[in-house]
Amino acid sequence: MSDDNSKVGDKASELAKNIWLAGVGAYGRAADEAQARLEKAGVETPKLFRDLVKAGATLEEEARNAFSVGQGARNSVEERIARVRENFNLQRLSRSDELQALHEKIDRLTDKVEQLSQAIAESGGATAKKKAAPRKKAAAKKKSATRKKATAKKSSSGSQRS
């Protein structure tokens, strides 16, 4: 049985040694590949860099075109809105200017009305008396003229009868 044990032990040692050697081999192979890639990258670095610059320039151009198309669409919409406002006379600036002018005109008219109201209040009694006096005199003159005419008619008709 000792032969069996030694055979199993030898097989286990051999298997362990093979596992160890496979690990060392994998490490060596990875190191070789890394070294080869590093050397290759040193040679290909300018080409890789040029390729990346070229791709970046292409992407930048595409982005600018997309941005300018977006700007053009936005400008187009703004132009359409401006045309609609113009057609309906809805320009903001002119409308606000017109409103401001109307406010100023209302303020001036309000000041004039206040001035006239004060003037009437200050001279209210005197003005009313002055206006009433000429009216009374005119009415009295009319009555007097009417009386004279009536008296004259009576006199003339009374003299014709006699």
C-alpha atoms as a PDB file:
ATOM      1  CA  MET A   1       0.000   0.000   0.000  1.00  0.00           C
ATOM      2  CA  SER A   2       2.849   2.229   0.477  1.00  0.00           C
ATOM      3  CA  ASP A   3       3.437   2.031  -3.202  1.00  0.00           C
ATOM      4  CA  ASP A   4      -0.073   3.229  -3.760  1.00  0.00           C
ATOM      5  CA  ASN A   5       0.434   6.027  -1.312  1.00  0.00           C
ATOM      6  CA  SER A   6       3.676   7.056  -2.865  1.00  0.00           C
ATOM      7  CA  LYS A   7       2.133   6.918  -6.338  1.00  0.00           C
ATOM      8  CA  VAL A   8      -0.746   9.129  -5.193  1.00  0.00           C
ATOM      9  CA  GLY A   9       1.719  11.422  -3.444  1.00  0.00           C
ATOM     10  CA  ASP A  10       3.881  11.613  -6.547  1.00  0.00           C
ATOM     11  CA  LYS A  11       0.848  12.338  -8.686  1.00  0.00           C
ATOM     12  CA  ALA A  12      -0.287  15.058  -6.249  1.00  0.00           C
ATOM     13  CA  SER A  13       3.198  16.591  -6.209  1.00  0.00           C
ATOM     14  CA  GLU A  14       3.363  16.437  -9.950  1.00  0.00           C
ATOM     15  CA  LEU A  15      -0.111  18.001 -10.245  1.00  0.00           C
ATOM     16  CA  ALA A  16       0.805  20.773  -7.799  1.00  0.00           C
ATOM     17  CA  LYS A  17       4.048  21.393  -9.659  1.00  0.00           C
ATOM     18  CA  ASN A  18       2.145  21.562 -12.978  1.00  0.00           C
ATOM     19  CA  ILE A  19      -0.379  24.014 -11.503  1.00  0.00           C
ATOM     20  CA  TRP A  20       2.504  26.116 -10.238  1.00  0.00           C
ATOM     21  CA  LEU A  21       4.253  25.999 -13.607  1.00  0.00           C
ATOM     22  CA  ALA A  22       1.001  26.855 -15.436  1.00  0.00           C
ATOM     23  CA  GLY A  23       0.626  29.944 -13.196  1.00  0.00           C
ATOM     24  CA  VAL A  24       4.237  30.967 -13.825  1.00  0.00           C
ATOM     25  CA  GLY A  25       3.735  30.366 -17.543  1.00  0.00           C
ATOM     26  CA  ALA A  26       0.556  32.477 -17.564  1.00  0.00           C
ATOM     27  CA  TYR A  27       2.383  35.219 -15.742  1.00  0.00           C
ATOM     28  CA  GLY A  28       5.298  35.050 -18.200  1.00  0.00           C
ATOM     29  CA  ARG A  29       2.985  35.030 -21.191  1.00  0.00           C
ATOM     30  CA  ALA A  30       1.018  38.025 -19.823  1.00  0.00           C
ATOM     31  CA  ALA A  31       4.277  39.861 -19.186  1.00  0.00           C
ATOM     32  CA  ASP A  32       5.474  39.109 -22.723  1.00  0.00           C
ATOM     33  CA  GLU A  33       2.162  40.261 -24.239  1.00  0.00           C
ATOM     34  CA  ALA A  34       2.226  43.412 -22.148  1.00  0.00           C
ATOM     35  CA  GLN A  35       5.782  44.111 -23.237  1.00  0.00           C
ATOM     36  CA  ALA A  36       4.859  43.508 -26.889  1.00  0.00           C
ATOM     37  CA  ARG A  37       1.816  45.806 -26.613  1.00  0.00           C
ATOM     38  CA  LEU A  38       3.914  48.455 -24.949  1.00  0.00           C
ATOM     39  CA  GLU A  39       6.491  48.298 -27.734  1.00  0.00           C
ATOM     40  CA  LYS A  40       3.716  48.277 -30.346  1.00  0.00           C
ATOM     41  CA  ALA A  41       1.983  51.207 -28.662  1.00  0.00           C
ATOM     42  CA  GLY A  42       5.250  53.137 -28.754  1.00  0.00           C
ATOM     43  CA  VAL A  43       5.356  52.637 -32.509  1.00  0.00           C
ATOM     44  CA  GLU A  44       1.603  53.083 -33.079  1.00  0.00           C
ATOM     45  CA  THR A  45       1.109  56.011 -30.655  1.00  0.00           C
ATOM     46  CA  PRO A  46       1.406  58.723 -33.342  1.00  0.00           C
ATOM     47  CA  LYS A  47      -0.997  56.801 -35.608  1.00  0.00           C
ATOM     48  CA  LEU A  48      -3.439  56.220 -32.763  1.00  0.00           C
ATOM     49  CA  PHE A  49      -3.214  59.895 -31.783  1.00  0.00           C
ATOM     50  CA  ARG A  50      -3.856  60.998 -35.391  1.00  0.00           C
ATOM     51  CA  ASP A  51      -6.845  58.654 -35.623  1.00  0.00           C
ATOM     52  CA  LEU A  52      -8.284  60.064 -32.390  1.00  0.00           C
ATOM     53  CA  VAL A  53      -7.763  63.665 -33.573  1.00  0.00           C
ATOM     54  CA  LYS A  54      -9.457  62.839 -36.874  1.00  0.00           C
ATOM     55  CA  ALA A  55     -12.440  61.244 -35.086  1.00  0.00           C
ATOM     56  CA  GLY A  56     -12.677  64.220 -32.718  1.00  0.00           C
ATOM     57  CA  ALA A  57     -12.666  66.697 -35.613  1.00  0.00           C
ATOM     58  CA  THR A  58     -15.442  64.748 -37.335  1.00  0.00           C
ATOM     59  CA  LEU A  59     -17.533  64.731 -34.159  1.00  0.00           C
ATOM     60  CA  GLU A  60     -16.902  68.441 -33.607  1.00  0.00           C
ATOM     61  CA  GLU A  61     -18.060  69.246 -37.147  1.00  0.00           C
ATOM     62  CA  GLU A  62     -21.196  67.149 -36.696  1.00  0.00           C
ATOM     63  CA  ALA A  63     -21.944  68.895 -33.407  1.00  0.00           C
ATOM     64  CA  ARG A  64     -21.504  72.345 -34.980  1.00  0.00           C
ATOM     65  CA  ASN A  65     -23.783  71.424 -37.875  1.00  0.00           C
ATOM     66  CA  ALA A  66     -26.427  70.136 -35.477  1.00  0.00           C
ATOM     67  CA  PHE A  67     -26.122  73.322 -33.391  1.00  0.00           C
ATOM     68  CA  SER A  68     -26.407  75.594 -36.432  1.00  0.00           C
ATOM     69  CA  VAL A  69     -29.456  73.652 -37.657  1.00  0.00           C
ATOM     70  CA  GLY A  70     -30.993  74.094 -34.196  1.00  0.00           C
ATOM     71  CA  GLN A  71     -30.165  77.821 -34.245  1.00  0.00           C
ATOM     72  CA  GLY A  72     -31.640  78.145 -37.727  1.00  0.00           C
ATOM     73  CA  ALA A  73     -34.860  76.486 -36.604  1.00  0.00           C
ATOM     74  CA  ARG A  74     -35.054  78.751 -33.541  1.00  0.00           C
ATOM     75  CA  ASN A  75     -34.428  81.839 -35.667  1.00  0.00           C
ATOM     76  CA  SER A  76     -37.053  80.674 -38.138  1.00  0.00           C
ATOM     77  CA  VAL A  77     -39.645  80.350 -35.368  1.00  0.00           C
ATOM     78  CA  GLU A  78     -38.738  83.789 -33.982  1.00  0.00           C
ATOM     79  CA  GLU A  79     -39.052  85.314 -37.465  1.00  0.00           C
ATOM     80  CA  ARG A  80     -42.496  83.762 -37.906  1.00  0.00           C
ATOM     81  CA  ILE A  81     -43.648  85.122 -34.557  1.00  0.00           C
ATOM     82  CA  ALA A  82     -42.350  88.581 -35.488  1.00  0.00           C
ATOM     83  CA  ARG A  83     -44.249  88.444 -38.795  1.00  0.00           C
ATOM     84  CA  VAL A  84     -47.474  87.465 -37.037  1.00  0.00           C
ATOM     85  CA  ARG A  85     -47.066  90.307 -34.549  1.00  0.00           C
ATOM     86  CA  GLU A  86     -46.378  92.701 -37.387  1.00  0.00           C
ATOM     87  CA  ASN A  87     -49.456  91.518 -39.290  1.00  0.00           C
ATOM     88  CA  PHE A  88     -51.667  92.057 -36.253  1.00  0.00           C
ATOM     89  CA  ASN A  89     -49.835  95.224 -35.170  1.00  0.00           C
ATOM     90  CA  LEU A  90     -48.788  93.590 -31.924  1.00  0.00           C
ATOM     91  CA  GLN A  91     -45.229  94.861 -31.726  1.00  0.00           C
ATOM     92  CA  ARG A  92     -44.334  95.117 -28.060  1.00  0.00           C
ATOM     93  CA  LEU A  93     -42.213  98.242 -28.287  1.00  0.00           C
ATOM     94  CA  SER A  94     -44.631 100.355 -30.304  1.00  0.00           C
ATOM     95  CA  ARG A  95     -47.536  99.226 -28.164  1.00  0.00           C
ATOM     96  CA  SER A  96     -45.745 100.168 -24.956  1.00  0.00           C
ATOM     97  CA  ASP A  97     -44.775 103.525 -26.484  1.00  0.00           C
ATOM     98  CA  GLU A  98     -48.396 104.157 -27.438  1.00  0.00           C
ATOM     99  CA  LEU A  99     -49.568 103.253 -23.948  1.00  0.00           C
ATOM    100  CA  GLN A 100     -46.993 105.578 -22.421  1.00  0.00           C
ATOM    101  CA  ALA A 101     -48.146 108.436 -24.687  1.00  0.00           C
ATOM    102  CA  LEU A 102     -51.771 107.801 -23.689  1.00  0.00           C
ATOM    103  CA  HIS A 103     -50.857 107.848 -20.002  1.00  0.00           C
ATOM    104  CA  GLU A 104     -49.077 111.176 -20.452  1.00  0.00           C
ATOM    105  CA  LYS A 105     -52.051 112.649 -22.318  1.00  0.00           C
ATOM    106  CA  ILE A 106     -54.434 111.497 -19.588  1.00  0.00           C
ATOM    107  CA  ASP A 107     -52.169 113.083 -16.971  1.00  0.00           C
ATOM    108  CA  ARG A 108     -52.170 116.415 -18.859  1.00  0.00           C
ATOM    109  CA  LEU A 109     -55.952 116.358 -19.231  1.00  0.00           C
ATOM    110  CA  THR A 110     -56.378 115.524 -15.561  1.00  0.00           C
ATOM    111  CA  ASP A 111     -54.205 118.526 -14.636  1.00  0.00           C
ATOM    112  CA  LYS A 112     -56.284 120.831 -16.861  1.00  0.00           C
ATOM    113  CA  VAL A 113     -59.563 119.594 -15.374  1.00  0.00           C
ATOM    114  CA  GLU A 114     -58.203 120.180 -11.869  1.00  0.00           C
ATOM    115  CA  GLN A 115     -57.078 123.709 -12.800  1.00  0.00           C
ATOM    116  CA  LEU A 116     -60.492 124.518 -14.291  1.00  0.00           C
ATOM    117  CA  SER A 117     -62.268 123.073 -11.251  1.00  0.00           C
ATOM    118  CA  GLN A 118     -60.164 125.225  -8.924  1.00  0.00           C
ATOM    119  CA  ALA A 119     -60.774 128.326 -11.034  1.00  0.00           C
ATOM    120  CA  ILE A 120     -64.515 127.727 -11.006  1.00  0.00           C
ATOM    121  CA  ALA A 121     -64.509 127.085  -7.266  1.00  0.00           C
ATOM    122  CA  GLU A 122     -62.531 130.281  -6.574  1.00  0.00           C
ATOM    123  CA  SER A 123     -64.653 132.526  -8.764  1.00  0.00           C
ATOM    124  CA  GLY A 124     -67.867 130.535  -8.501  1.00  0.00           C
ATOM    125  CA  GLY A 125     -70.025 133.215  -6.776  1.00  0.00           C
ATOM    126  CA  ALA A 126     -68.759 136.205  -8.731  1.00  0.00           C
ATOM    127  CA  THR A 127     -69.024 134.517 -12.094  1.00  0.00           C
ATOM    128  CA  ALA A 128     -72.553 133.302 -11.433  1.00  0.00           C
ATOM    129  CA  LYS A 129     -73.702 136.817 -10.410  1.00  0.00           C
ATOM    130  CA  LYS A 130     -72.059 138.429 -13.431  1.00  0.00           C
ATOM    131  CA  LYS A 131     -73.714 135.964 -15.775  1.00  0.00           C
ATOM    132  CA  ALA A 132     -77.097 136.303 -14.081  1.00  0.00           C
ATOM    133  CA  ALA A 133     -77.132 140.140 -14.205  1.00  0.00           C
ATOM    134  CA  PRO A 134     -76.952 140.449 -18.011  1.00  0.00           C
ATOM    135  CA  ARG A 135     -79.651 137.807 -18.374  1.00  0.00           C
ATOM    136  CA  LYS A 136     -81.974 139.703 -16.038  1.00  0.00           C
ATOM    137  CA  LYS A 137     -81.365 142.957 -17.882  1.00  0.00           C
ATOM    138  CA  ALA A 138     -82.068 141.308 -21.221  1.00  0.00           C
ATOM    139  CA  ALA A 139     -85.246 139.756 -19.897  1.00  0.00           C
ATOM    140  CA  ALA A 140     -86.353 143.099 -18.458  1.00  0.00           C
ATOM    141  CA  LYS A 141     -85.695 144.832 -21.787  1.00  0.00           C
ATOM    142  CA  LYS A 142     -87.765 142.219 -23.617  1.00  0.00           C
ATOM    143  CA  LYS A 143     -90.643 142.643 -21.199  1.00  0.00           C
ATOM    144  CA  SER A 144     -90.427 146.392 -21.492  1.00  0.00           C
ATOM    145  CA  ALA A 145     -90.379 146.243 -25.295  1.00  0.00           C
ATOM    146  CA  THR A 146     -93.316 143.871 -25.292  1.00  0.00           C
ATOM    147  CA  ARG A 147     -95.273 146.190 -22.981  1.00  0.00           C
ATOM    148  CA  LYS A 148     -94.525 149.207 -25.141  1.00  0.00           C
ATOM    149  CA  LYS A 149     -95.721 147.351 -28.243  1.00  0.00           C
ATOM    150  CA  ALA A 150     -98.845 146.208 -26.493  1.00  0.00           C
ATOM    151  CA  THR A 151     -99.511 149.715 -25.216  1.00  0.00           C
ATOM    152  CA  ALA A 152     -98.884 151.175 -28.637  1.00  0.00           C
ATOM    153  CA  LYS A 153    -101.329 148.754 -30.233  1.00  0.00           C
ATOM    154  CA  LYS A 154    -103.980 149.586 -27.683  1.00  0.00           C
ATOM    155  CA  SER A 155    -103.506 153.257 -28.199  1.00  0.00           C
ATOM    156  CA  SER A 156    -103.671 153.003 -31.935  1.00  0.00           C
ATOM    157  CA  SER A 157    -106.752 150.820 -31.905  1.00  0.00           C
ATOM    158  CA  GLY A 158    -108.465 153.151 -29.400  1.00  0.00           C
ATOM    159  CA  SER A 159    -107.770 156.220 -31.538  1.00  0.00           C
ATOM    160  CA  GLN A 160    -109.067 154.549 -34.636  1.00  0.00           C
ATOM    161  CA  ARG A 161    -112.363 153.797 -32.920  1.00  0.00           C
ATOM    162  CA  SER A 162    -113.045 157.344 -31.992  1.00  0.00           C
END
